[in-house]
Amino acid sequence: MAETLHPRPCEASFGLAEKVGFLSDGRNLPDHPGSVEARETHMSWVFLTQNRVYKLKKPVRFPYLDFSTLERRAAICQAEDRLNRRLAPDVYLGVVPLTANASGLTVGGRGETVDWLVVMRRLDAAESLETLLLERRLRPAQIDQVASALRQFYGHARHVPISVERHLGDWRHAIEANGRVLLDSRFRLPVGPIGRTLAAQRRFLDARADALAARVRDGRIVDAHGDLRPEHVWPIRPITIIDCLEFDARLRALDPLDEVAFLHLECERLGARWAGERLRRRLAARLGDDPSSGLFLFYRSHRALLRARLSIAHLYDAAPRTPDKWPRQARAYLKLATRDAARLDRMLRTP
């Protein structure tokens, strides 16, 4: 499956619905499974068999990504496979074409390429970090193993050059972008807590810009994972972390301390703050985590506000899936963001 992708444009007669219908039938897949579970996400259709996962990108265009052409989907599938092999080398199995000929569609067969599929080995969802946290089955040794894998990953991650001015400007832009969405009156989210959280984050940027600048000067901005959530982590041997943010390298250019703060936040949201704390302690020396700087708390607060924004932004869609889910999820993240921002504010006000 490790072929070079050379997509041929096809103004084909096969639309997304036909492709989804074809891939939902196990008789059409290479491993000929007895059944296929099809799941729709914001950007993809995912087809799960007993042993394999086939991922089809939707031909969508959003302000932050463009999958609207066959060429773009080819490139993003190739990037997803390549980048995820960094942390899940035995899970990502390559990219295959979805082709069309006189007989119809086929996976990896002869004919004109009409789309591309990322192929993965299916992992046991019952053993993901998210499930282990929710079911209170996670062992401290497993968190230690995750920390060890991340320590090695960040130690070898490619450094991303960026100027201090650009870095600080990006942070200010990110805070304002969160505010524009979260304060949209259509969503009826609590204006007071959001405003106080944004204000605390702005004060941190004004008062502690040197802490962020030092991270840049020390070369701590790297090509990271970009979406380090418990649902993407398998604390098994070897430690496996999937679904990195492949569609925009700028969004993966991160301080690893920021990523770990995100995973710390998610562990707490799932009722296991102890796991996040243990992870943080194990990585503190490698990541240069100085609690007195307030940086970890700033990162956590921003991540919570960003997740609230991404949640509620689903309601901008003309026909959002599970529309009742997103306001609840946004409010849960806002609660965490507000609490962290209050702690951050107290730290800033303490002489």
Protein backbone atom coordinates (compact mmCIF):
# COMPACT_ATOMS: atom_id res chain seq x y z
CA MET A 1 0.00 0.00 0.00
CA ALA A 2 3.02 2.28 0.22
CA GLU A 3 2.54 3.61 -3.29
CA THR A 4 3.15 7.11 -4.54
CA LEU A 5 -0.08 9.02 -4.96
CA HIS A 6 -0.69 10.52 -8.38
CA PRO A 7 -4.37 11.39 -8.44
CA ARG A 8 -6.06 11.80 -11.78
CA PRO A 9 -8.87 14.36 -11.68
CA CYS A 10 -12.23 12.73 -12.18
CA GLU A 11 -15.42 14.67 -12.65
CA ALA A 12 -17.00 11.35 -11.92
CA SER A 13 -20.51 10.19 -11.74
CA PHE A 14 -19.86 8.72 -8.29
CA GLY A 15 -20.94 11.07 -5.51
CA LEU A 16 -20.22 10.83 -1.81
CA ALA A 17 -23.45 8.96 -1.06
CA GLU A 18 -22.60 6.27 -3.62
CA LYS A 19 -19.08 5.90 -2.25
CA VAL A 20 -20.40 5.61 1.31
CA GLY A 21 -22.96 3.01 0.25
CA PHE A 22 -20.32 0.98 -1.57
CA LEU A 23 -17.86 1.02 1.35
CA SER A 24 -20.58 0.15 3.85
CA ASP A 25 -20.99 -3.25 2.18
CA GLY A 26 -18.40 -5.70 3.47
CA ARG A 27 -18.45 -7.65 0.23
CA ASN A 28 -16.68 -4.70 -1.41
CA LEU A 29 -13.74 -4.45 1.00
CA PRO A 30 -10.43 -6.28 0.62
CA ASP A 31 -10.73 -8.23 3.89
CA HIS A 32 -14.34 -9.26 3.05
CA PRO A 33 -15.69 -8.72 6.57
CA GLY A 34 -19.04 -10.10 7.65
CA SER A 35 -20.20 -6.63 8.63
CA VAL A 36 -19.12 -3.00 8.40
CA GLU A 37 -19.84 -0.21 10.85
CA ALA A 38 -19.97 3.18 9.12
CA ARG A 39 -19.40 6.30 11.21
CA GLU A 40 -19.63 9.89 10.04
CA THR A 41 -17.36 12.57 11.48
CA HIS A 42 -17.09 16.26 10.67
CA MET A 43 -14.48 15.64 7.99
CA SER A 44 -14.65 11.94 7.11
CA TRP A 45 -16.57 8.74 6.78
CA VAL A 46 -14.96 5.88 8.70
CA PHE A 47 -15.70 2.22 7.91
CA LEU A 48 -14.81 -0.28 10.62
CA THR A 49 -14.50 -4.01 10.09
CA GLN A 50 -13.36 -6.59 12.59
CA ASN A 51 -9.69 -6.00 11.81
CA ARG A 52 -9.44 -2.90 9.62
CA VAL A 53 -10.47 0.75 9.41
CA TYR A 54 -10.99 2.52 6.07
CA LYS A 55 -11.19 6.30 6.20
CA LEU A 56 -12.73 8.35 3.37
CA LYS A 57 -12.31 12.13 3.46
CA LYS A 58 -15.42 14.16 2.70
CA PRO A 59 -15.13 16.66 -0.19
CA VAL A 60 -15.63 19.56 2.21
CA ARG A 61 -14.20 23.05 2.49
CA PHE A 62 -14.04 24.97 5.77
CA PRO A 63 -12.10 28.12 6.69
CA TYR A 64 -9.40 25.92 8.23
CA LEU A 65 -9.17 23.12 5.61
CA ASP A 66 -9.96 22.28 2.01
CA PHE A 67 -10.71 18.69 0.94
CA SER A 68 -12.80 19.80 -2.02
CA THR A 69 -10.66 18.29 -4.79
CA LEU A 70 -9.34 14.81 -5.47
CA GLU A 71 -5.78 16.16 -5.46
CA ARG A 72 -6.22 17.72 -2.04
CA ARG A 73 -7.74 14.55 -0.59
CA ALA A 74 -4.86 12.50 -2.00
CA ALA A 75 -2.32 14.80 -0.35
CA ILE A 76 -4.08 14.83 3.00
CA CYS A 77 -4.47 11.05 3.06
CA GLN A 78 -0.77 10.67 2.36
CA ALA A 79 0.06 13.20 5.10
CA GLU A 80 -2.20 11.43 7.59
CA ASP A 81 -0.51 8.10 6.96
CA ARG A 82 3.01 9.55 7.08
CA LEU A 83 2.59 11.72 10.17
CA ASN A 84 0.76 9.15 12.23
CA ARG A 85 3.46 6.56 11.69
CA ARG A 86 5.54 8.63 14.13
CA LEU A 87 3.43 7.42 17.07
CA ALA A 88 1.51 4.49 15.60
CA PRO A 89 3.80 2.81 13.04
CA ASP A 90 2.07 -0.57 13.14
CA VAL A 91 -1.47 0.86 12.95
CA TYR A 92 -1.30 2.92 9.75
CA LEU A 93 -1.12 0.53 6.80
CA GLY A 94 -1.03 2.92 3.87
CA VAL A 95 -3.31 4.63 1.37
CA VAL A 96 -5.26 2.88 -1.39
CA PRO A 97 -7.28 4.27 -4.29
CA LEU A 98 -11.02 3.93 -4.67
CA THR A 99 -11.36 3.31 -8.40
CA ALA A 100 -14.14 3.21 -10.95
CA ASN A 101 -14.42 1.15 -14.14
CA ALA A 102 -17.19 -0.27 -16.30
CA SER A 103 -18.18 -2.64 -13.49
CA GLY A 104 -18.48 0.11 -10.88
CA LEU A 105 -16.41 0.99 -7.84
CA THR A 106 -13.60 -1.10 -6.41
CA VAL A 107 -10.98 -0.70 -3.68
CA GLY A 108 -7.46 -0.77 -5.04
CA GLY A 109 -8.52 -2.14 -8.40
CA ARG A 110 -8.05 -1.09 -12.00
CA GLY A 111 -9.78 1.94 -13.33
CA GLU A 112 -9.85 5.67 -12.78
CA THR A 113 -9.17 6.91 -9.25
CA VAL A 114 -12.24 8.64 -7.81
CA ASP A 115 -11.03 8.92 -4.21
CA TRP A 116 -8.49 7.72 -1.66
CA LEU A 117 -8.73 5.67 1.54
CA VAL A 118 -6.46 5.67 4.57
CA VAL A 119 -6.21 2.09 5.84
CA MET A 120 -5.55 1.27 9.49
CA ARG A 121 -5.39 -1.72 11.77
CA ARG A 122 -8.42 -1.57 14.06
CA LEU A 123 -7.64 -1.05 17.74
CA ASP A 124 -9.75 -2.29 20.63
CA ALA A 125 -11.79 0.71 21.83
CA ALA A 126 -12.13 -0.91 25.25
CA GLU A 127 -8.41 -0.37 25.79
CA SER A 128 -8.20 3.30 24.79
CA LEU A 129 -7.11 5.77 27.44
CA GLU A 130 -10.55 7.37 27.28
CA THR A 131 -12.34 4.11 28.09
CA LEU A 132 -9.84 3.17 30.78
CA LEU A 133 -10.36 6.55 32.45
CA LEU A 134 -14.15 6.40 32.24
CA GLU A 135 -14.25 2.86 33.60
CA ARG A 136 -11.65 3.58 36.29
CA ARG A 137 -9.40 0.79 34.97
CA LEU A 138 -6.30 2.83 34.25
CA ARG A 139 -3.20 1.77 36.16
CA PRO A 140 -0.49 4.26 37.21
CA ALA A 141 2.10 2.21 35.31
CA GLN A 142 0.18 2.79 32.08
CA ILE A 143 0.35 6.57 32.49
CA ASP A 144 4.07 6.20 33.15
CA GLN A 145 4.41 4.34 29.84
CA VAL A 146 2.50 7.08 28.00
CA ALA A 147 4.82 9.66 29.57
CA SER A 148 7.85 7.67 28.42
CA ALA A 149 6.53 7.49 24.84
CA LEU A 150 5.82 11.22 24.77
CA ARG A 151 9.22 12.03 26.24
CA GLN A 152 10.87 10.14 23.39
CA PHE A 153 8.55 11.64 20.77
CA TYR A 154 9.15 15.23 21.84
CA GLY A 155 12.86 14.57 22.13
CA HIS A 156 13.00 13.69 18.43
CA ALA A 157 10.27 15.99 17.09
CA ARG A 158 11.29 18.44 14.40
CA HIS A 159 11.93 21.96 15.65
CA VAL A 160 9.65 24.57 14.06
CA PRO A 161 11.36 27.96 13.60
CA ILE A 162 9.14 30.93 14.44
CA SER A 163 9.80 34.49 15.58
CA VAL A 164 8.82 35.67 19.03
CA GLU A 165 6.68 38.40 17.48
CA ARG A 166 4.79 35.93 15.31
CA HIS A 167 4.31 33.54 18.24
CA LEU A 168 2.89 36.19 20.54
CA GLY A 169 0.74 37.55 17.73
CA ASP A 170 -0.66 34.07 17.09
CA TRP A 171 -1.61 33.78 20.75
CA ARG A 172 -3.46 37.08 20.71
CA HIS A 173 -5.26 36.09 17.53
CA ALA A 174 -6.27 32.73 19.05
CA ILE A 175 -7.74 34.37 22.14
CA GLU A 176 -9.77 36.82 20.07
CA ALA A 177 -10.96 34.06 17.73
CA ASN A 178 -12.27 32.09 20.70
CA GLY A 179 -14.06 35.16 22.00
CA ARG A 180 -15.77 35.94 18.68
CA VAL A 181 -17.40 32.53 18.53
CA LEU A 182 -18.16 31.96 22.20
CA LEU A 183 -19.71 35.40 22.64
CA ASP A 184 -21.99 34.98 19.60
CA SER A 185 -25.41 35.71 21.07
CA ARG A 186 -26.99 32.91 19.01
CA PHE A 187 -25.35 30.32 21.25
CA ARG A 188 -26.58 31.78 24.56
CA LEU A 189 -23.47 30.84 26.46
CA PRO A 190 -22.66 32.58 29.79
CA VAL A 191 -21.18 35.92 28.79
CA GLY A 192 -19.73 36.84 32.20
CA PRO A 193 -17.52 33.77 32.73
CA ILE A 194 -16.36 33.85 29.12
CA GLY A 195 -15.42 37.52 29.39
CA ARG A 196 -13.52 36.99 32.64
CA THR A 197 -11.64 34.03 31.20
CA LEU A 198 -10.64 35.97 28.09
CA ALA A 199 -9.55 38.92 30.22
CA ALA A 200 -7.35 36.70 32.41
CA GLN A 201 -5.70 35.21 29.35
CA ARG A 202 -5.04 38.66 27.88
CA ARG A 203 -3.55 39.79 31.21
CA PHE A 204 -1.25 36.78 31.17
CA LEU A 205 -0.03 37.69 27.69
CA ASP A 206 0.65 41.25 28.82
CA ALA A 207 2.33 40.32 32.09
CA ARG A 208 4.14 37.09 31.17
CA ALA A 209 4.96 37.48 27.49
CA ASP A 210 8.57 36.79 28.45
CA ALA A 211 7.64 33.26 29.52
CA LEU A 212 6.18 32.51 26.08
CA ALA A 213 9.08 34.24 24.34
CA ALA A 214 11.56 32.10 26.27
CA ARG A 215 9.90 28.93 24.96
CA VAL A 216 10.49 30.15 21.41
CA ARG A 217 14.09 31.18 22.04
CA ASP A 218 14.80 27.82 23.71
CA GLY A 219 13.61 25.98 20.59
CA ARG A 220 10.66 24.35 22.33
CA ILE A 221 8.18 24.80 19.48
CA VAL A 222 8.07 21.50 17.60
CA ASP A 223 6.01 19.60 15.03
CA ALA A 224 3.82 17.91 17.62
CA HIS A 225 0.71 15.70 17.53
CA GLY A 226 -1.81 18.54 17.58
CA ASP A 227 -4.83 16.72 19.04
CA LEU A 228 -3.59 14.81 22.08
CA ARG A 229 -6.84 13.54 23.60
CA PRO A 230 -7.50 10.31 25.57
CA GLU A 231 -9.60 8.91 22.71
CA HIS A 232 -6.46 8.93 20.56
CA VAL A 233 -4.16 7.21 23.08
CA TRP A 234 -3.78 3.46 23.65
CA PRO A 235 -1.63 2.71 26.73
CA ILE A 236 -0.73 -0.74 25.42
CA ARG A 237 2.61 -2.15 24.34
CA PRO A 238 3.87 -0.46 22.31
CA ILE A 239 2.20 2.81 23.32
CA THR A 240 0.04 3.87 20.39
CA ILE A 241 -1.22 7.39 19.67
CA ILE A 242 -3.32 7.96 16.54
CA ASP A 243 -5.20 10.71 14.70
CA CYS A 244 -2.72 13.55 14.79
CA LEU A 245 -3.81 16.87 13.32
CA GLU A 246 -2.60 16.30 9.79
CA PHE A 247 -4.34 18.96 7.73
CA ASP A 248 -2.44 22.06 8.90
CA ALA A 249 1.21 22.02 9.98
CA ARG A 250 0.76 25.41 11.66
CA LEU A 251 -1.72 23.90 14.12
CA ARG A 252 0.78 21.18 15.01
CA ALA A 253 3.56 23.71 15.69
CA LEU A 254 3.27 23.61 19.48
CA ASP A 255 5.07 23.76 22.75
CA PRO A 256 4.91 20.15 24.07
CA LEU A 257 3.97 21.60 27.46
CA ASP A 258 0.83 22.93 25.77
CA GLU A 259 -0.04 19.44 24.46
CA VAL A 260 0.51 17.86 27.84
CA ALA A 261 -1.64 20.56 29.46
CA PHE A 262 -4.39 19.57 27.00
CA LEU A 263 -4.16 15.89 27.91
CA HIS A 264 -4.07 16.88 31.60
CA LEU A 265 -7.29 18.87 31.06
CA GLU A 266 -8.99 15.95 29.30
CA CYS A 267 -8.05 13.53 32.05
CA GLU A 268 -9.69 15.83 34.58
CA ARG A 269 -12.78 16.25 32.41
CA LEU A 270 -13.15 12.47 32.41
CA GLY A 271 -12.90 12.34 36.20
CA ALA A 272 -9.24 11.32 36.56
CA ARG A 273 -7.21 14.39 37.41
CA TRP A 274 -4.72 12.11 39.15
CA ALA A 275 -3.73 10.67 35.77
CA GLY A 276 -3.02 14.10 34.33
CA GLU A 277 -1.05 15.08 37.42
CA ARG A 278 1.05 11.93 37.23
CA LEU A 279 1.72 12.52 33.54
CA ARG A 280 2.73 16.12 34.24
CA ARG A 281 5.15 15.10 37.01
CA ARG A 282 6.77 12.45 34.82
CA LEU A 283 7.36 14.96 32.01
CA ALA A 284 8.09 18.11 34.04
CA ALA A 285 11.89 17.99 33.69
CA ARG A 286 11.84 17.12 29.97
CA LEU A 287 9.36 19.89 29.18
CA GLY A 288 10.82 22.59 31.42
CA ASP A 289 7.60 22.91 33.42
CA ASP A 290 7.99 25.73 35.96
CA PRO A 291 4.70 26.02 37.91
CA SER A 292 5.59 29.50 39.13
CA SER A 293 5.48 30.86 35.57
CA GLY A 294 1.75 30.16 35.23
CA LEU A 295 2.39 28.85 31.72
CA PHE A 296 0.87 25.42 32.26
CA LEU A 297 -2.28 26.99 33.71
CA PHE A 298 -2.48 29.43 30.81
CA TYR A 299 -2.16 26.61 28.31
CA ARG A 300 -4.84 24.57 30.09
CA SER A 301 -7.26 27.49 30.27
CA HIS A 302 -6.77 28.28 26.60
CA ARG A 303 -7.25 24.63 25.59
CA ALA A 304 -10.50 24.45 27.53
CA LEU A 305 -11.80 27.62 25.87
CA LEU A 306 -10.71 26.36 22.45
CA ARG A 307 -12.54 23.07 22.99
CA ALA A 308 -15.64 25.00 24.03
CA ARG A 309 -15.39 27.04 20.85
CA LEU A 310 -14.89 24.00 18.60
CA SER A 311 -17.83 22.29 20.25
CA ILE A 312 -20.32 25.12 19.86
CA ALA A 313 -19.10 25.96 16.36
CA HIS A 314 -20.77 22.76 15.13
CA LEU A 315 -24.01 24.73 15.35
CA TYR A 316 -22.85 26.95 12.50
CA ASP A 317 -23.49 23.99 10.20
CA ALA A 318 -26.76 24.13 8.29
CA ALA A 319 -27.76 20.69 9.62
CA PRO A 320 -25.46 19.85 12.55
CA ARG A 321 -25.26 16.26 13.72
CA THR A 322 -26.32 15.69 17.38
CA PRO A 323 -27.22 19.39 17.89
CA ASP A 324 -28.10 18.90 21.56
CA LYS A 325 -24.64 17.59 22.36
CA TRP A 326 -22.59 20.67 21.54
CA PRO A 327 -23.99 23.26 24.00
CA ARG A 328 -23.60 20.76 26.87
CA GLN A 329 -20.05 19.98 25.87
CA ALA A 330 -19.17 23.64 25.42
CA ARG A 331 -20.49 24.48 28.88
CA ALA A 332 -18.48 21.65 30.45
CA TYR A 333 -15.29 23.03 28.93
CA LEU A 334 -16.23 26.58 29.88
CA LYS A 335 -16.52 25.52 33.50
CA LEU A 336 -12.97 24.16 33.44
CA ALA A 337 -11.65 27.21 31.55
CA THR A 338 -13.25 29.64 33.99
CA ARG A 339 -11.82 27.88 37.03
CA ASP A 340 -8.33 27.77 35.55
CA ALA A 341 -8.51 31.41 34.51
CA ALA A 342 -9.51 32.44 38.03
CA ARG A 343 -6.45 30.64 39.41
CA LEU A 344 -4.30 32.25 36.75
CA ASP A 345 -5.66 35.68 37.62
CA ARG A 346 -4.91 35.18 41.33
CA MET A 347 -1.37 34.17 40.42
CA LEU A 348 -0.92 37.30 38.33
CA ARG A 349 -2.23 39.53 41.09
CA THR A 350 -0.01 38.03 43.77
CA PRO A 351 3.11 40.16 44.33
